[in-house]
Protein backbone atom coordinates (compact mmCIF):
# COMPACT_ATOMS: atom_id res chain seq x y z
CA MET A 1 0.43 -17.43 0.68
CA LYS A 2 0.97 -18.39 4.11
CA ALA A 3 0.88 -16.14 7.22
CA LEU A 4 4.34 -14.95 8.33
CA GLU A 5 3.08 -13.03 11.67
CA HIS A 6 -0.31 -11.95 13.35
CA THR A 7 -1.27 -9.62 15.28
CA THR A 8 -5.03 -8.49 17.23
CA THR A 9 -3.19 -4.85 18.58
CA ILE A 10 -2.09 -2.55 15.84
CA THR A 11 -1.21 0.86 17.25
CA LEU A 12 1.15 3.14 14.90
CA PRO A 13 2.60 6.69 15.53
CA ASP A 14 1.92 8.00 12.38
CA GLU A 15 1.01 11.49 11.60
CA ARG A 16 0.49 10.95 7.85
CA VAL A 17 -0.46 7.82 5.76
CA ALA A 18 -1.29 7.06 2.84
CA VAL A 19 -4.51 5.76 1.54
CA CYS A 20 -4.96 3.88 -1.65
CA GLY A 21 -7.91 2.59 -3.68
CA ASP A 22 -8.33 -0.14 -5.92
CA TRP A 23 -5.04 -1.63 -7.97
CA HIS A 24 -6.75 -5.12 -9.26
CA GLY A 25 -3.24 -6.75 -9.12
CA ASN A 26 -1.78 -3.58 -11.61
CA LEU A 27 2.28 -4.10 -10.28
CA GLY A 28 2.87 -1.10 -12.82
CA TRP A 29 0.77 1.14 -11.55
CA ALA A 30 2.26 -0.35 -8.05
CA ARG A 31 5.80 0.89 -9.17
CA MET A 32 4.35 4.29 -10.39
CA LEU A 33 3.34 5.22 -7.38
CA ALA A 34 6.23 3.53 -5.34
CA ARG A 35 8.87 6.11 -7.74
CA ALA A 36 6.21 9.22 -6.64
CA LEU A 37 5.56 8.31 -3.13
CA PRO A 38 9.15 9.43 -1.88
CA ALA A 39 8.75 12.82 -3.30
CA LEU A 40 5.56 13.37 -2.52
CA ALA A 41 5.47 12.41 0.81
CA PRO A 42 8.89 11.27 2.33
CA ASP A 43 7.71 11.35 5.64
CA VAL A 44 4.82 8.54 5.20
CA THR A 45 5.48 4.93 6.04
CA THR A 46 2.64 3.42 6.18
CA MET A 47 -0.17 2.71 3.20
CA LEU A 48 -3.68 1.96 3.88
CA HIS A 49 -5.45 -0.06 1.12
CA LEU A 50 -8.96 -0.25 0.65
CA GLY A 51 -9.28 -3.62 -1.48
CA ASP A 52 -9.19 -5.35 -5.14
CA TRP A 53 -5.55 -5.58 -4.36
CA TRP A 54 -4.86 -9.05 -5.45
CA MET A 55 -1.28 -8.26 -5.72
CA SER A 56 1.59 -10.64 -5.89
CA PRO A 57 3.69 -10.22 -2.86
CA ALA A 58 7.10 -10.91 -3.44
CA ALA A 59 6.42 -8.62 -6.13
CA THR A 60 4.97 -5.88 -4.28
CA ASP A 61 7.43 -6.42 -1.53
CA GLU A 62 10.20 -5.80 -4.55
CA VAL A 63 8.70 -2.94 -5.55
CA PHE A 64 8.68 -0.72 -2.39
CA ALA A 65 12.34 -2.32 -1.53
CA GLU A 66 13.51 1.63 -2.41
CA THR A 67 11.18 3.82 -0.56
CA ASN A 68 10.05 4.65 2.72
CA ILE A 69 6.78 2.01 2.69
CA GLU A 70 7.42 -0.28 5.80
CA ARG A 71 3.37 -1.82 5.60
CA ILE A 72 0.67 -1.87 3.73
CA TYR A 73 -2.54 -2.83 5.44
CA VAL A 74 -5.15 -4.06 3.76
CA THR A 75 -8.60 -3.33 3.84
CA LEU A 76 -10.25 -6.82 1.65
CA GLY A 77 -12.44 -6.03 -0.98
CA ASN A 78 -14.69 -8.42 -3.89
CA HIS A 79 -11.70 -9.22 -6.42
CA GLU A 80 -9.41 -10.94 -4.09
CA PRO A 81 -8.18 -14.73 -3.91
CA TRP A 82 -10.69 -15.66 -1.16
CA GLY A 83 -9.87 -19.01 -1.75
CA GLU A 84 -6.07 -18.49 -0.27
CA ILE A 85 -6.93 -15.91 2.20
CA THR A 86 -10.14 -17.04 3.94
CA PRO A 87 -8.36 -19.88 5.14
CA LEU A 88 -5.67 -17.54 6.73
CA LEU A 89 -7.65 -15.79 8.59
CA ASN A 90 -9.73 -18.83 9.65
CA GLU A 91 -6.41 -19.63 11.19
CA HIS A 92 -5.95 -16.73 13.16
CA PRO A 93 -9.59 -15.27 13.97
CA GLY A 94 -9.53 -11.65 14.47
CA ALA A 95 -5.94 -10.78 13.83
CA ALA A 96 -3.86 -9.06 10.73
CA VAL A 97 -2.01 -11.11 9.26
CA ARG A 98 1.16 -10.65 7.33
CA VAL A 99 1.95 -12.23 4.26
CA SER A 100 5.34 -10.74 3.07
CA ASP A 101 7.93 -8.04 4.25
CA ILE A 102 5.60 -5.43 4.19
CA ILE A 103 2.11 -6.45 3.26
CA TRP A 104 -0.72 -7.20 6.15
CA LEU A 105 -4.32 -8.32 5.22
CA LEU A 106 -6.75 -7.04 7.61
CA PRO A 107 -9.68 -9.34 8.98
CA ARG A 108 -13.83 -8.50 9.47
CA PRO A 109 -13.78 -6.26 11.57
CA ALA A 110 -10.32 -4.67 12.36
CA ARG A 111 -9.79 -2.24 14.87
CA LEU A 112 -6.43 0.13 14.40
CA SER A 113 -4.98 2.99 16.53
CA ILE A 114 -2.70 5.69 13.75
CA GLY A 115 -1.50 8.76 15.26
CA GLY A 116 -3.91 8.98 17.94
CA ARG A 117 -7.22 7.83 16.13
CA ARG A 118 -9.36 5.05 16.11
CA VAL A 119 -9.73 3.24 12.81
CA LEU A 120 -12.11 0.41 11.82
CA SER A 121 -11.21 -1.50 9.28
CA LEU A 122 -14.65 -3.33 7.34
CA GLY A 123 -13.84 -5.06 3.94
CA GLY A 124 -16.19 -7.17 1.57
CA ALA A 125 -18.54 -5.90 -0.95
CA ALA A 126 -20.81 -7.19 -3.88
CA SER A 127 -19.49 -7.97 -7.34
CA VAL A 128 -21.90 -6.54 -9.85
CA ASP A 129 -20.13 -8.77 -12.52
CA ARG A 130 -20.40 -12.44 -10.82
CA GLN A 131 -22.45 -13.35 -13.79
CA SER A 132 -19.24 -13.10 -16.00
CA ARG A 133 -17.23 -14.91 -13.05
CA ILE A 134 -15.85 -18.40 -12.25
CA GLU A 135 -17.11 -19.30 -8.67
CA GLY A 136 -14.00 -20.45 -7.09
CA LEU A 137 -11.29 -19.26 -9.83
CA THR A 138 -12.30 -15.46 -10.06
CA TRP A 139 -15.26 -15.35 -7.18
CA TRP A 140 -16.23 -16.57 -3.95
CA PRO A 141 -19.09 -15.64 -1.84
CA ASP A 142 -16.38 -15.04 1.06
CA GLU A 143 -16.38 -11.78 -0.91
CA ALA A 144 -19.79 -10.80 1.27
CA ILE A 145 -20.05 -8.38 4.22
CA SER A 146 -21.90 -10.63 6.93
CA ASP A 147 -24.56 -10.03 9.63
CA GLN A 148 -21.41 -11.08 11.73
CA ASN A 149 -19.59 -8.64 10.62
CA VAL A 150 -21.95 -5.30 10.97
CA ALA A 151 -22.32 -6.72 14.49
CA GLU A 152 -18.82 -7.42 15.87
CA ALA A 153 -18.04 -3.77 13.71
CA SER A 154 -20.99 -2.28 15.63
CA ALA A 155 -20.34 -3.48 18.81
CA GLY A 156 -16.75 -2.06 18.97
CA GLY A 157 -17.81 1.18 20.06
CA PRO A 158 -17.11 4.77 17.71
CA ALA A 159 -14.19 5.08 15.29
CA ASP A 160 -12.98 8.43 13.57
CA LEU A 161 -12.19 7.26 10.69
CA MET A 162 -13.49 3.86 8.71
CA LEU A 163 -12.13 2.23 6.08
CA THR A 164 -14.35 0.18 3.93
CA HIS A 165 -14.21 -1.13 0.20
CA GLU A 166 -17.98 -1.42 -0.18
CA SER A 167 -19.29 2.20 -0.42
CA PRO A 168 -21.82 3.03 2.19
CA ALA A 169 -26.17 3.41 1.50
CA GLY A 170 -26.74 6.85 1.57
CA THR A 171 -23.40 8.16 0.04
CA PRO A 172 -23.12 12.22 0.33
CA VAL A 173 -20.81 11.60 -3.03
CA ARG A 174 -22.34 12.61 -6.03
CA PRO A 175 -20.15 10.74 -8.89
CA VAL A 176 -21.14 7.56 -7.14
CA ARG A 177 -24.86 8.42 -6.78
CA GLU A 178 -24.87 9.01 -10.77
CA ILE A 179 -23.48 5.55 -11.21
CA LEU A 180 -25.60 4.23 -9.46
CA ARG A 181 -28.69 5.89 -10.20
CA THR A 182 -27.76 5.27 -14.03
CA ASN A 183 -25.69 1.75 -13.89
CA PRO A 184 -23.65 2.46 -17.06
CA HIS A 185 -22.53 -1.02 -17.32
CA GLY A 186 -26.09 -2.54 -17.56
CA PHE A 187 -25.69 -4.83 -14.90
CA PRO A 188 -29.19 -6.72 -14.03
CA LYS A 189 -31.11 -6.43 -11.41
CA THR A 190 -29.83 -9.27 -9.22
CA ALA A 191 -26.71 -7.82 -8.75
CA LEU A 192 -27.96 -4.46 -8.14
CA ASP A 193 -29.80 -5.99 -5.16
CA ALA A 194 -26.86 -7.74 -4.00
CA SER A 195 -25.07 -4.39 -4.63
CA ALA A 196 -27.57 -2.43 -2.33
CA ALA A 197 -28.20 -4.95 0.38
CA SER A 198 -23.61 -4.96 0.51
CA ARG A 199 -24.02 -1.18 0.89
CA ALA A 200 -26.78 -1.23 3.81
CA ARG A 201 -24.63 -3.62 5.66
CA VAL A 202 -21.76 -0.97 5.60
CA ALA A 203 -24.21 1.87 6.31
CA GLU A 204 -25.68 0.47 9.20
CA VAL A 205 -21.97 0.34 10.79
CA TRP A 206 -21.19 3.43 9.69
CA ASP A 207 -24.04 4.86 11.47
CA ALA A 208 -23.52 2.96 14.25
CA VAL A 209 -19.67 4.37 14.60
CA ARG A 210 -20.05 7.47 13.37
CA PRO A 211 -16.67 8.11 11.86
CA GLU A 212 -15.86 11.72 11.10
CA LEU A 213 -14.53 10.45 7.52
CA LEU A 214 -14.99 7.27 5.67
CA THR A 215 -12.97 6.03 2.67
CA HIS A 216 -13.45 3.69 0.47
CA GLY A 217 -12.55 2.33 -3.18
CA HIS A 218 -14.76 -0.69 -5.42
CA LEU A 219 -16.98 2.12 -7.55
CA HIS A 220 -14.01 3.55 -9.33
CA ALA A 221 -15.99 7.15 -8.79
CA PRO A 222 -13.00 9.75 -7.28
CA GLY A 223 -14.80 12.21 -5.44
CA GLY A 224 -15.70 13.34 -1.94
CA GLY A 225 -19.08 14.78 0.25
CA LYS A 226 -20.65 15.59 2.96
CA THR A 227 -23.86 14.61 5.13
CA GLU A 228 -26.03 16.53 6.68
CA ASP A 229 -24.83 15.96 9.95
CA GLY A 230 -21.15 16.44 8.90
CA ARG A 231 -19.69 13.13 8.21
CA ARG A 232 -17.41 13.10 5.40
CA VAL A 233 -17.33 10.55 2.83
CA ALA A 234 -14.03 9.84 0.15
CA SER A 235 -14.42 7.56 -3.05
CA MET A 236 -10.93 6.53 -4.06
CA GLY A 237 -10.29 6.12 -7.98
CA ARG A 238 -8.94 2.54 -8.88
CA ASP A 239 -5.50 2.13 -10.85
CA GLY A 240 -4.32 4.62 -13.40
CA GLN A 241 -7.72 6.88 -12.48
CA GLU A 242 -7.54 9.91 -10.96
CA GLY A 243 -8.13 10.34 -7.15
CA ASN A 244 -6.17 6.20 -6.17
CA LEU A 245 -3.58 8.21 -4.08
CA GLY A 246 -4.07 10.23 -1.41
CA ILE A 247 -1.93 11.35 1.59
CA LEU A 248 -4.44 11.78 5.13
CA ASP A 249 -3.48 13.98 7.77
CA MET A 250 -4.28 11.69 10.56
CA LYS A 251 -4.81 14.88 12.94
CA THR A 252 -7.41 16.60 10.62
CA LEU A 253 -8.74 13.53 8.55
CA MET A 254 -7.76 15.50 5.72
CA THR A 255 -6.81 14.04 2.62
CA ALA A 256 -4.57 15.68 -0.03
CA THR A 257 -4.42 13.90 -3.30
CA PRO A 258 -1.99 14.19 -5.96
CA SER A 259 -3.58 14.79 -9.60
CA LEU A 260 -2.30 11.84 -12.33
CA ALA A 261 -0.08 14.72 -13.90
CA ILE A 262 1.97 14.90 -10.78
CA ILE A 263 2.44 10.93 -10.01
CA ARG A 264 3.44 10.55 -13.91
CA GLY A 265 5.72 13.79 -13.61
CA MET A 266 7.52 12.20 -10.70
CA ALA A 267 7.74 8.89 -11.43
CA ASP A 268 9.48 10.05 -14.71
CA GLN A 269 11.68 12.20 -12.64
CA TRP A 270 12.64 9.46 -10.71
CA GLU A 271 13.19 7.39 -13.60
CA GLU A 272 15.48 10.26 -15.22
CA ASP A 273 17.23 10.40 -11.62
CA TYR A 274 18.00 6.59 -11.84
CA LEU A 275 19.44 6.46 -14.93
CA ALA A 276 22.05 9.65 -13.88
CA ARG A 277 22.80 7.68 -10.91
CA GLU A 278 23.63 4.65 -12.81
CA LYS A 279 25.58 6.04 -15.38
CA ARG A 280 27.89 7.95 -12.33
CA ALA A 281 28.04 4.70 -10.24
CA LYS A 282 29.45 3.41 -13.83
CA GLY A 283 31.91 5.91 -13.62
CA ALA A 284 32.80 6.05 -10.09
CA ALA A 285 33.48 2.25 -10.72
CA GLU A 286 35.63 2.54 -13.71
CA ALA A 287 37.31 5.28 -12.07
CA LEU A 288 38.00 3.51 -8.67
CA HIS A 289 39.29 -0.21 -10.39
CA SER A 290 42.07 0.40 -12.35
CA GLY A 291 41.82 -2.90 -13.97
CA VAL A 292 39.54 -0.71 -16.40
CA LEU A 293 42.60 0.07 -17.86
CA ASP A 294 43.38 -3.49 -18.91
CA GLY A 295 39.77 -3.98 -20.37
CA LEU A 296 38.64 -5.83 -17.20
CA SER A 297 35.51 -5.36 -15.65
CA PRO A 298 34.58 -3.27 -11.83
CA SER A 299 35.00 -6.18 -9.72
CA PRO A 300 31.61 -7.19 -7.64
CA ALA A 301 33.44 -5.20 -4.55
CA ALA A 302 33.81 -1.84 -6.82
CA LEU A 303 30.32 -1.67 -7.90
CA GLN A 304 29.45 -1.51 -4.37
CA ASP A 305 31.82 1.02 -3.61
CA ALA A 306 30.95 2.90 -6.20
CA GLN A 307 26.74 2.79 -5.72
CA ASP A 308 27.60 3.83 -1.79
CA TYR A 309 29.47 6.93 -3.26
CA VAL A 310 26.97 8.14 -5.69
CA ASP A 311 23.87 7.66 -2.73
CA GLY A 312 25.97 9.27 -0.45
CA ARG A 313 26.53 6.51 1.75
CA ARG A 314 30.10 6.40 1.67
CA THR A 315 32.14 9.61 1.13
CA LEU A 316 35.51 8.97 -0.92
CA ASP A 317 37.88 9.14 2.17
CA GLU A 318 36.13 6.56 4.08
CA MET A 319 36.31 4.04 0.87
CA ILE A 320 40.19 5.20 0.65
CA GLU A 321 40.73 4.44 4.54
CA ASP A 322 38.95 0.90 4.42
CA VAL A 323 41.03 -0.19 1.77
CA ARG A 324 43.55 0.98 3.58
CA ARG A 325 42.74 -1.09 6.52
CA ARG A 326 41.98 -3.77 4.51
CA HIS A 327 45.55 -3.73 2.95
CA THR A 328 48.38 -2.47 5.59
CA ARG A 329 49.34 -3.84 8.40
CA ARG A 330 51.27 -2.15 11.64
CA GLU A 331 54.67 -3.03 12.08
CA ASN A 332 53.98 -5.28 14.89
CA GLU A 333 51.69 -7.46 13.23
CA ARG A 334 54.22 -7.98 10.50
CA ARG A 335 56.78 -9.28 12.99
CA ASP A 336 54.54 -11.56 14.34
CA ASP A 337 53.30 -13.18 11.07
CA ASP A 338 57.09 -13.71 10.36
CA GLY A 339 57.63 -15.29 13.54
CA ARG A 340 59.95 -12.59 15.02
């Protein structure tokens, strides 16, 4: 992983963005969302990811290549390859770093402006499963939200939207409170204490900047809630879970969350449409290439012409005119070539 570009200023005009919870390197799930997004939200070009990303940069670019997604900003989680990420961020203090065509890793903290809204990103969280991981291989101390991160985030002033991986302490989200109360996976007290301290740090910033909406991942407990003073919290689901994808309106800061059934249905429809387009393209290529009559395969140029025709990028008349221009010359051009 290497830095291709870096910036300390991110200002976007987007009126709507996609927000996603944990993916855990799941390319299959990312591909499903990529197939559904063009139908769900064709106007969305920016994705805000809430951590536990750990995706292959090149593979992610490929997955989203045929969508309208132009940029993905990652608020880093705990399950990330911090051994690679920390050196990149340290080389460019306070800057977002682009590591692929569309992926940007956000520093801690990061300030953005999206659709005129003030956005604060504060990555990191405590790994409650740390005892089953190997330091320097599947777990790094760098995951922790530091006192310096908290101080810098708080000093930046108010925010309208706060992006975190970790939940704040005192969350109003009932499913999150239930998980914290029951400890269904039986994590040890030391892990729970570290989690509580991490959530307290997020809450300190949350109380300082007082965003209208805070949205986070990490707990794999989709749901929402509102505090007594009117601040809203949205907890996103993980890959393959309800509530992993939301379409956020930057004017109202309200999120539409399509169900799993809708996402899967639209992804399946994309697959059916893709196969139908492939069949049509093959037929068009054969029709455009007379060599098939002699048992020959269409040339690469014919295949590209067919795909352009099927996708609506060029009409049949335009392709015929292109062929005519390439293979015919005016009378004066022929005379010049003949030296007469």
